[in-house]
Amino acid sequence: MQGEHVEVLHAPPTALAFARIIGRHAPVVIEGAVDHWPALEKWKTDAYIAGVLGERPITVSMTPDGLADGTFS
């Protein structure tokens, strides 16, 4: 049965390998895929987001079960 085993890659795959992975329609965990993203450091505290947004209002939508199938504000 598909989905019983989740493959774990310890580094991001090449473009060709990734195309083959998604072609299998099976789950996969890619470790380290976003380790280089500046957001990982910048978003650690609320201060960065507050500094970027300033006093601008934001809208937050929530779902009763986290499935995004019936949002409410």
PDB file of N, CA and C in Angstrom:
ATOM      1  N   MET A   1       0.844  -1.188   0.000  1.00  0.00           N
ATOM      2  CA  MET A   1       0.000   0.000   0.000  1.00  0.00           C
ATOM      3  C   MET A   1       0.886   1.248   0.000  1.00  0.00           C
ATOM      4  N   GLN A   2       0.551   2.189  -0.826  1.00  0.00           N
ATOM      5  CA  GLN A   2       1.318   3.414  -0.941  1.00  0.00           C
ATOM      6  C   GLN A   2       1.180   4.239   0.333  1.00  0.00           C
ATOM      7  N   GLY A   3       2.284   4.821   0.787  1.00  0.00           N
ATOM      8  CA  GLY A   3       2.241   5.676   1.960  1.00  0.00           C
ATOM      9  C   GLY A   3       2.636   4.989   3.247  1.00  0.00           C
ATOM     10  N   GLU A   4       2.862   3.692   3.219  1.00  0.00           N
ATOM     11  CA  GLU A   4       3.280   3.008   4.434  1.00  0.00           C
ATOM     12  C   GLU A   4       4.730   3.321   4.768  1.00  0.00           C
ATOM     13  N   HIS A   5       5.542   3.568   3.773  1.00  0.00           N
ATOM     14  CA  HIS A   5       6.955   3.897   3.976  1.00  0.00           C
ATOM     15  C   HIS A   5       7.207   5.307   3.452  1.00  0.00           C
ATOM     16  N   VAL A   6       7.884   6.099   4.242  1.00  0.00           N
ATOM     17  CA  VAL A   6       8.245   7.446   3.816  1.00  0.00           C
ATOM     18  C   VAL A   6       9.755   7.483   3.608  1.00  0.00           C
ATOM     19  N   GLU A   7      10.173   7.749   2.392  1.00  0.00           N
ATOM     20  CA  GLU A   7      11.588   7.853   2.073  1.00  0.00           C
ATOM     21  C   GLU A   7      12.146   9.137   2.678  1.00  0.00           C
ATOM     22  N   VAL A   8      13.340   9.071   3.228  1.00  0.00           N
ATOM     23  CA  VAL A   8      14.010  10.241   3.792  1.00  0.00           C
ATOM     24  C   VAL A   8      15.288  10.493   2.993  1.00  0.00           C
ATOM     25  N   LEU A   9      15.382  11.691   2.427  1.00  0.00           N
ATOM     26  CA  LEU A   9      16.593  12.114   1.728  1.00  0.00           C
ATOM     27  C   LEU A   9      17.353  13.039   2.670  1.00  0.00           C
ATOM     28  N   HIS A  10      18.635  12.835   2.813  1.00  0.00           N
ATOM     29  CA  HIS A  10      19.429  13.617   3.753  1.00  0.00           C
ATOM     30  C   HIS A  10      20.025  14.872   3.130  1.00  0.00           C
ATOM     31  N   ALA A  11      19.689  15.131   1.887  1.00  0.00           N
ATOM     32  CA  ALA A  11      20.110  16.340   1.181  1.00  0.00           C
ATOM     33  C   ALA A  11      19.134  16.567   0.035  1.00  0.00           C
ATOM     34  N   PRO A  12      18.995  17.798  -0.406  1.00  0.00           N
ATOM     35  CA  PRO A  12      18.097  18.063  -1.537  1.00  0.00           C
ATOM     36  C   PRO A  12      18.541  17.281  -2.779  1.00  0.00           C
ATOM     37  N   PRO A  13      17.591  16.716  -3.512  1.00  0.00           N
ATOM     38  CA  PRO A  13      17.929  15.961  -4.717  1.00  0.00           C
ATOM     39  C   PRO A  13      18.208  16.891  -5.893  1.00  0.00           C
ATOM     40  N   THR A  14      18.783  16.341  -6.931  1.00  0.00           N
ATOM     41  CA  THR A  14      18.945  17.101  -8.169  1.00  0.00           C
ATOM     42  C   THR A  14      17.563  17.313  -8.784  1.00  0.00           C
ATOM     43  N   ALA A  15      17.475  18.169  -9.753  1.00  0.00           N
ATOM     44  CA  ALA A  15      16.192  18.423 -10.419  1.00  0.00           C
ATOM     45  C   ALA A  15      15.637  17.140 -11.043  1.00  0.00           C
ATOM     46  N   LEU A  16      16.500  16.367 -11.674  1.00  0.00           N
ATOM     47  CA  LEU A  16      16.050  15.120 -12.298  1.00  0.00           C
ATOM     48  C   LEU A  16      15.563  14.129 -11.244  1.00  0.00           C
ATOM     49  N   ALA A  17      16.319  13.981 -10.165  1.00  0.00           N
ATOM     50  CA  ALA A  17      15.902  13.063  -9.102  1.00  0.00           C
ATOM     51  C   ALA A  17      14.580  13.514  -8.490  1.00  0.00           C
ATOM     52  N   PHE A  18      14.410  14.833  -8.311  1.00  0.00           N
ATOM     53  CA  PHE A  18      13.158  15.349  -7.755  1.00  0.00           C
ATOM     54  C   PHE A  18      11.983  15.041  -8.678  1.00  0.00           C
ATOM     55  N   ALA A  19      12.175  15.203  -9.968  1.00  0.00           N
ATOM     56  CA  ALA A  19      11.106  14.893 -10.931  1.00  0.00           C
ATOM     57  C   ALA A  19      10.721  13.424 -10.835  1.00  0.00           C
ATOM     58  N   ARG A  20      11.686  12.563 -10.664  1.00  0.00           N
ATOM     59  CA  ARG A  20      11.389  11.138 -10.520  1.00  0.00           C
ATOM     60  C   ARG A  20      10.652  10.854  -9.217  1.00  0.00           C
ATOM     61  N   ILE A  21      11.023  11.553  -8.156  1.00  0.00           N
ATOM     62  CA  ILE A  21      10.371  11.360  -6.856  1.00  0.00           C
ATOM     63  C   ILE A  21       8.901  11.753  -6.928  1.00  0.00           C
ATOM     64  N   ILE A  22       8.618  12.938  -7.465  1.00  0.00           N
ATOM     65  CA  ILE A  22       7.216  13.373  -7.500  1.00  0.00           C
ATOM     66  C   ILE A  22       6.400  12.546  -8.476  1.00  0.00           C
ATOM     67  N   GLY A  23       7.053  11.949  -9.452  1.00  0.00           N
ATOM     68  CA  GLY A  23       6.355  11.073 -10.381  1.00  0.00           C
ATOM     69  C   GLY A  23       5.848   9.804  -9.730  1.00  0.00           C
ATOM     70  N   ARG A  24       6.425   9.443  -8.589  1.00  0.00           N
ATOM     71  CA  ARG A  24       5.985   8.237  -7.878  1.00  0.00           C
ATOM     72  C   ARG A  24       4.736   8.483  -7.038  1.00  0.00           C
ATOM     73  N   HIS A  25       4.394   9.748  -6.812  1.00  0.00           N
ATOM     74  CA  HIS A  25       3.216  10.103  -6.000  1.00  0.00           C
ATOM     75  C   HIS A  25       3.276   9.449  -4.626  1.00  0.00           C
ATOM     76  N   ALA A  26       4.438   9.471  -4.016  1.00  0.00           N
ATOM     77  CA  ALA A  26       4.638   8.895  -2.696  1.00  0.00           C
ATOM     78  C   ALA A  26       5.255   9.956  -1.788  1.00  0.00           C
ATOM     79  N   PRO A  27       5.004   9.865  -0.495  1.00  0.00           N
ATOM     80  CA  PRO A  27       5.570  10.866   0.414  1.00  0.00           C
ATOM     81  C   PRO A  27       7.082  10.741   0.511  1.00  0.00           C
ATOM     82  N   VAL A  28       7.731  11.862   0.744  1.00  0.00           N
ATOM     83  CA  VAL A  28       9.176  11.888   0.935  1.00  0.00           C
ATOM     84  C   VAL A  28       9.517  13.061   1.849  1.00  0.00           C
ATOM     85  N   VAL A  29      10.491  12.875   2.717  1.00  0.00           N
ATOM     86  CA  VAL A  29      11.004  13.942   3.570  1.00  0.00           C
ATOM     87  C   VAL A  29      12.369  14.329   3.017  1.00  0.00           C
ATOM     88  N   ILE A  30      12.542  15.620   2.751  1.00  0.00           N
ATOM     89  CA  ILE A  30      13.822  16.111   2.242  1.00  0.00           C
ATOM     90  C   ILE A  30      14.456  16.955   3.338  1.00  0.00           C
ATOM     91  N   GLU A  31      15.444  16.381   4.012  1.00  0.00           N
ATOM     92  CA  GLU A  31      16.111  17.092   5.096  1.00  0.00           C
ATOM     93  C   GLU A  31      17.069  18.136   4.526  1.00  0.00           C
ATOM     94  N   GLY A  32      17.145  19.281   5.189  1.00  0.00           N
ATOM     95  CA  GLY A  32      18.098  20.306   4.805  1.00  0.00           C
ATOM     96  C   GLY A  32      17.736  21.105   3.572  1.00  0.00           C
ATOM     97  N   ALA A  33      16.521  20.938   3.063  1.00  0.00           N
ATOM     98  CA  ALA A  33      16.149  21.596   1.815  1.00  0.00           C
ATOM     99  C   ALA A  33      16.062  23.115   1.934  1.00  0.00           C
ATOM    100  N   VAL A  34      15.772  23.621   3.119  1.00  0.00           N
ATOM    101  CA  VAL A  34      15.628  25.065   3.276  1.00  0.00           C
ATOM    102  C   VAL A  34      16.618  25.641   4.294  1.00  0.00           C
ATOM    103  N   ASP A  35      17.638  24.873   4.634  1.00  0.00           N
ATOM    104  CA  ASP A  35      18.602  25.335   5.638  1.00  0.00           C
ATOM    105  C   ASP A  35      19.283  26.642   5.265  1.00  0.00           C
ATOM    106  N   HIS A  36      19.382  26.945   3.992  1.00  0.00           N
ATOM    107  CA  HIS A  36      20.057  28.161   3.533  1.00  0.00           C
ATOM    108  C   HIS A  36      19.125  29.380   3.479  1.00  0.00           C
ATOM    109  N   TRP A  37      17.849  29.199   3.774  1.00  0.00           N
ATOM    110  CA  TRP A  37      16.898  30.305   3.686  1.00  0.00           C
ATOM    111  C   TRP A  37      17.145  31.325   4.801  1.00  0.00           C
ATOM    112  N   PRO A  38      17.317  32.597   4.470  1.00  0.00           N
ATOM    113  CA  PRO A  38      17.505  33.627   5.492  1.00  0.00           C
ATOM    114  C   PRO A  38      16.332  33.702   6.479  1.00  0.00           C
ATOM    115  N   ALA A  39      15.156  33.328   6.052  1.00  0.00           N
ATOM    116  CA  ALA A  39      13.975  33.394   6.917  1.00  0.00           C
ATOM    117  C   ALA A  39      14.132  32.552   8.181  1.00  0.00           C
ATOM    118  N   LEU A  40      14.896  31.491   8.118  1.00  0.00           N
ATOM    119  CA  LEU A  40      15.074  30.644   9.294  1.00  0.00           C
ATOM    120  C   LEU A  40      15.682  31.419  10.455  1.00  0.00           C
ATOM    121  N   GLU A  41      16.530  32.365  10.164  1.00  0.00           N
ATOM    122  CA  GLU A  41      17.105  33.198  11.221  1.00  0.00           C
ATOM    123  C   GLU A  41      16.240  34.427  11.485  1.00  0.00           C
ATOM    124  N   LYS A  42      15.802  35.083  10.415  1.00  0.00           N
ATOM    125  CA  LYS A  42      15.056  36.331  10.568  1.00  0.00           C
ATOM    126  C   LYS A  42      13.749  36.148  11.316  1.00  0.00           C
ATOM    127  N   TRP A  43      13.065  35.047  11.109  1.00  0.00           N
ATOM    128  CA  TRP A  43      11.730  34.869  11.669  1.00  0.00           C
ATOM    129  C   TRP A  43      11.729  34.211  13.040  1.00  0.00           C
ATOM    130  N   LYS A  44      12.870  34.112  13.678  1.00  0.00           N
ATOM    131  CA  LYS A  44      12.932  33.466  14.992  1.00  0.00           C
ATOM    132  C   LYS A  44      12.267  34.300  16.081  1.00  0.00           C
ATOM    133  N   THR A  45      12.196  35.596  15.879  1.00  0.00           N
ATOM    134  CA  THR A  45      11.571  36.460  16.878  1.00  0.00           C
ATOM    135  C   THR A  45      10.480  37.298  16.215  1.00  0.00           C
ATOM    136  N   ASP A  46       9.595  37.784  17.037  1.00  0.00           N
ATOM    137  CA  ASP A  46       8.527  38.650  16.537  1.00  0.00           C
ATOM    138  C   ASP A  46       9.061  40.011  16.096  1.00  0.00           C
ATOM    139  N   ALA A  47      10.235  40.387  16.574  1.00  0.00           N
ATOM    140  CA  ALA A  47      10.773  41.723  16.290  1.00  0.00           C
ATOM    141  C   ALA A  47      10.974  41.952  14.800  1.00  0.00           C
ATOM    142  N   TYR A  48      11.436  40.959  14.063  1.00  0.00           N
ATOM    143  CA  TYR A  48      11.656  41.133  12.627  1.00  0.00           C
ATOM    144  C   TYR A  48      10.338  41.384  11.905  1.00  0.00           C
ATOM    145  N   ILE A  49       9.353  40.542  12.169  1.00  0.00           N
ATOM    146  CA  ILE A  49       8.044  40.695  11.512  1.00  0.00           C
ATOM    147  C   ILE A  49       7.416  42.036  11.891  1.00  0.00           C
ATOM    148  N   ALA A  50       7.491  42.394  13.167  1.00  0.00           N
ATOM    149  CA  ALA A  50       6.933  43.676  13.612  1.00  0.00           C
ATOM    150  C   ALA A  50       7.652  44.836  12.931  1.00  0.00           C
ATOM    151  N   GLY A  51       8.968  44.727  12.755  1.00  0.00           N
ATOM    152  CA  GLY A  51       9.723  45.785  12.100  1.00  0.00           C
ATOM    153  C   GLY A  51       9.363  45.925  10.632  1.00  0.00           C
ATOM    154  N   VAL A  52       9.093  44.822   9.982  1.00  0.00           N
ATOM    155  CA  VAL A  52       8.733  44.851   8.561  1.00  0.00           C
ATOM    156  C   VAL A  52       7.310  45.365   8.370  1.00  0.00           C
ATOM    157  N   LEU A  53       6.395  44.905   9.211  1.00  0.00           N
ATOM    158  CA  LEU A  53       4.991  45.289   9.057  1.00  0.00           C
ATOM    159  C   LEU A  53       4.683  46.662   9.624  1.00  0.00           C
ATOM    160  N   GLY A  54       5.392  47.073  10.650  1.00  0.00           N
ATOM    161  CA  GLY A  54       5.090  48.348  11.282  1.00  0.00           C
ATOM    162  C   GLY A  54       3.693  48.335  11.876  1.00  0.00           C
ATOM    163  N   GLU A  55       2.924  49.351  11.564  1.00  0.00           N
ATOM    164  CA  GLU A  55       1.562  49.473  12.095  1.00  0.00           C
ATOM    165  C   GLU A  55       0.494  48.993  11.120  1.00  0.00           C
ATOM    166  N   ARG A  56       0.916  48.397   9.999  1.00  0.00           N
ATOM    167  CA  ARG A  56      -0.059  47.930   9.020  1.00  0.00           C
ATOM    168  C   ARG A  56      -0.896  46.784   9.578  1.00  0.00           C
ATOM    169  N   PRO A  57      -2.201  46.824   9.374  1.00  0.00           N
ATOM    170  CA  PRO A  57      -3.040  45.719   9.850  1.00  0.00           C
ATOM    171  C   PRO A  57      -2.840  44.474   8.979  1.00  0.00           C
ATOM    172  N   ILE A  58      -3.029  43.321   9.578  1.00  0.00           N
ATOM    173  CA  ILE A  58      -2.972  42.069   8.833  1.00  0.00           C
ATOM    174  C   ILE A  58      -4.253  41.297   9.085  1.00  0.00           C
ATOM    175  N   THR A  59      -4.594  40.423   8.166  1.00  0.00           N
ATOM    176  CA  THR A  59      -5.760  39.569   8.312  1.00  0.00           C
ATOM    177  C   THR A  59      -5.284  38.153   8.590  1.00  0.00           C
ATOM    178  N   VAL A  60      -5.884  37.533   9.576  1.00  0.00           N
ATOM    179  CA  VAL A  60      -5.540  36.157   9.915  1.00  0.00           C
ATOM    180  C   VAL A  60      -6.783  35.310   9.706  1.00  0.00           C
ATOM    181  N   SER A  61      -6.654  34.257   8.920  1.00  0.00           N
ATOM    182  CA  SER A  61      -7.757  33.320   8.723  1.00  0.00           C
ATOM    183  C   SER A  61      -7.418  32.022   9.432  1.00  0.00           C
ATOM    184  N   MET A  62      -8.403  31.454  10.086  1.00  0.00           N
ATOM    185  CA  MET A  62      -8.195  30.214  10.828  1.00  0.00           C
ATOM    186  C   MET A  62      -9.207  29.180  10.349  1.00  0.00           C
ATOM    187  N   THR A  63      -8.918  27.941  10.616  1.00  0.00           N
ATOM    188  CA  THR A  63      -9.867  26.875  10.312  1.00  0.00           C
ATOM    189  C   THR A  63     -10.171  26.118  11.595  1.00  0.00           C
ATOM    190  N   PRO A  64     -11.345  25.572  11.693  1.00  0.00           N
ATOM    191  CA  PRO A  64     -11.693  24.845  12.919  1.00  0.00           C
ATOM    192  C   PRO A  64     -10.874  23.565  13.104  1.00  0.00           C
ATOM    193  N   ASP A  65     -10.387  22.996  12.025  1.00  0.00           N
ATOM    194  CA  ASP A  65      -9.660  21.724  12.146  1.00  0.00           C
ATOM    195  C   ASP A  65      -8.298  21.745  11.464  1.00  0.00           C
ATOM    196  N   GLY A  66      -7.868  22.898  10.938  1.00  0.00           N
ATOM    197  CA  GLY A  66      -6.567  23.007  10.318  1.00  0.00           C
ATOM    198  C   GLY A  66      -6.498  22.498   8.876  1.00  0.00           C
ATOM    199  N   LEU A  67      -7.620  22.154   8.285  1.00  0.00           N
ATOM    200  CA  LEU A  67      -7.623  21.617   6.940  1.00  0.00           C
ATOM    201  C   LEU A  67      -7.920  22.660   5.864  1.00  0.00           C
ATOM    202  N   ALA A  68      -8.095  23.907   6.253  1.00  0.00           N
ATOM    203  CA  ALA A  68      -8.333  25.013   5.327  1.00  0.00           C
ATOM    204  C   ALA A  68      -9.558  24.812   4.458  1.00  0.00           C
ATOM    205  N   ASP A  69     -10.548  24.150   4.996  1.00  0.00           N
ATOM    206  CA  ASP A  69     -11.758  23.903   4.210  1.00  0.00           C
ATOM    207  C   ASP A  69     -12.951  24.698   4.721  1.00  0.00           C
ATOM    208  N   GLY A  70     -12.729  25.634   5.588  1.00  0.00           N
ATOM    209  CA  GLY A  70     -13.811  26.457   6.097  1.00  0.00           C
ATOM    210  C   GLY A  70     -13.230  27.575   6.931  1.00  0.00           C
ATOM    211  N   THR A  71     -12.524  28.504   6.265  1.00  0.00           N
ATOM    212  CA  THR A  71     -11.830  29.533   7.018  1.00  0.00           C
ATOM    213  C   THR A  71     -12.792  30.549   7.617  1.00  0.00           C
ATOM    214  N   PHE A  72     -12.354  31.116   8.708  1.00  0.00           N
ATOM    215  CA  PHE A  72     -13.084  32.228   9.318  1.00  0.00           C
ATOM    216  C   PHE A  72     -12.064  33.200   9.859  1.00  0.00           C
ATOM    217  N   SER A  73     -12.430  34.475   9.947  1.00  0.00           N
ATOM    218  CA  SER A  73     -11.487  35.501  10.412  1.00  0.00           C
ATOM    219  C   SER A  73     -11.809  35.911  11.828  1.00  0.00           C
TER     220      SER A  73
END
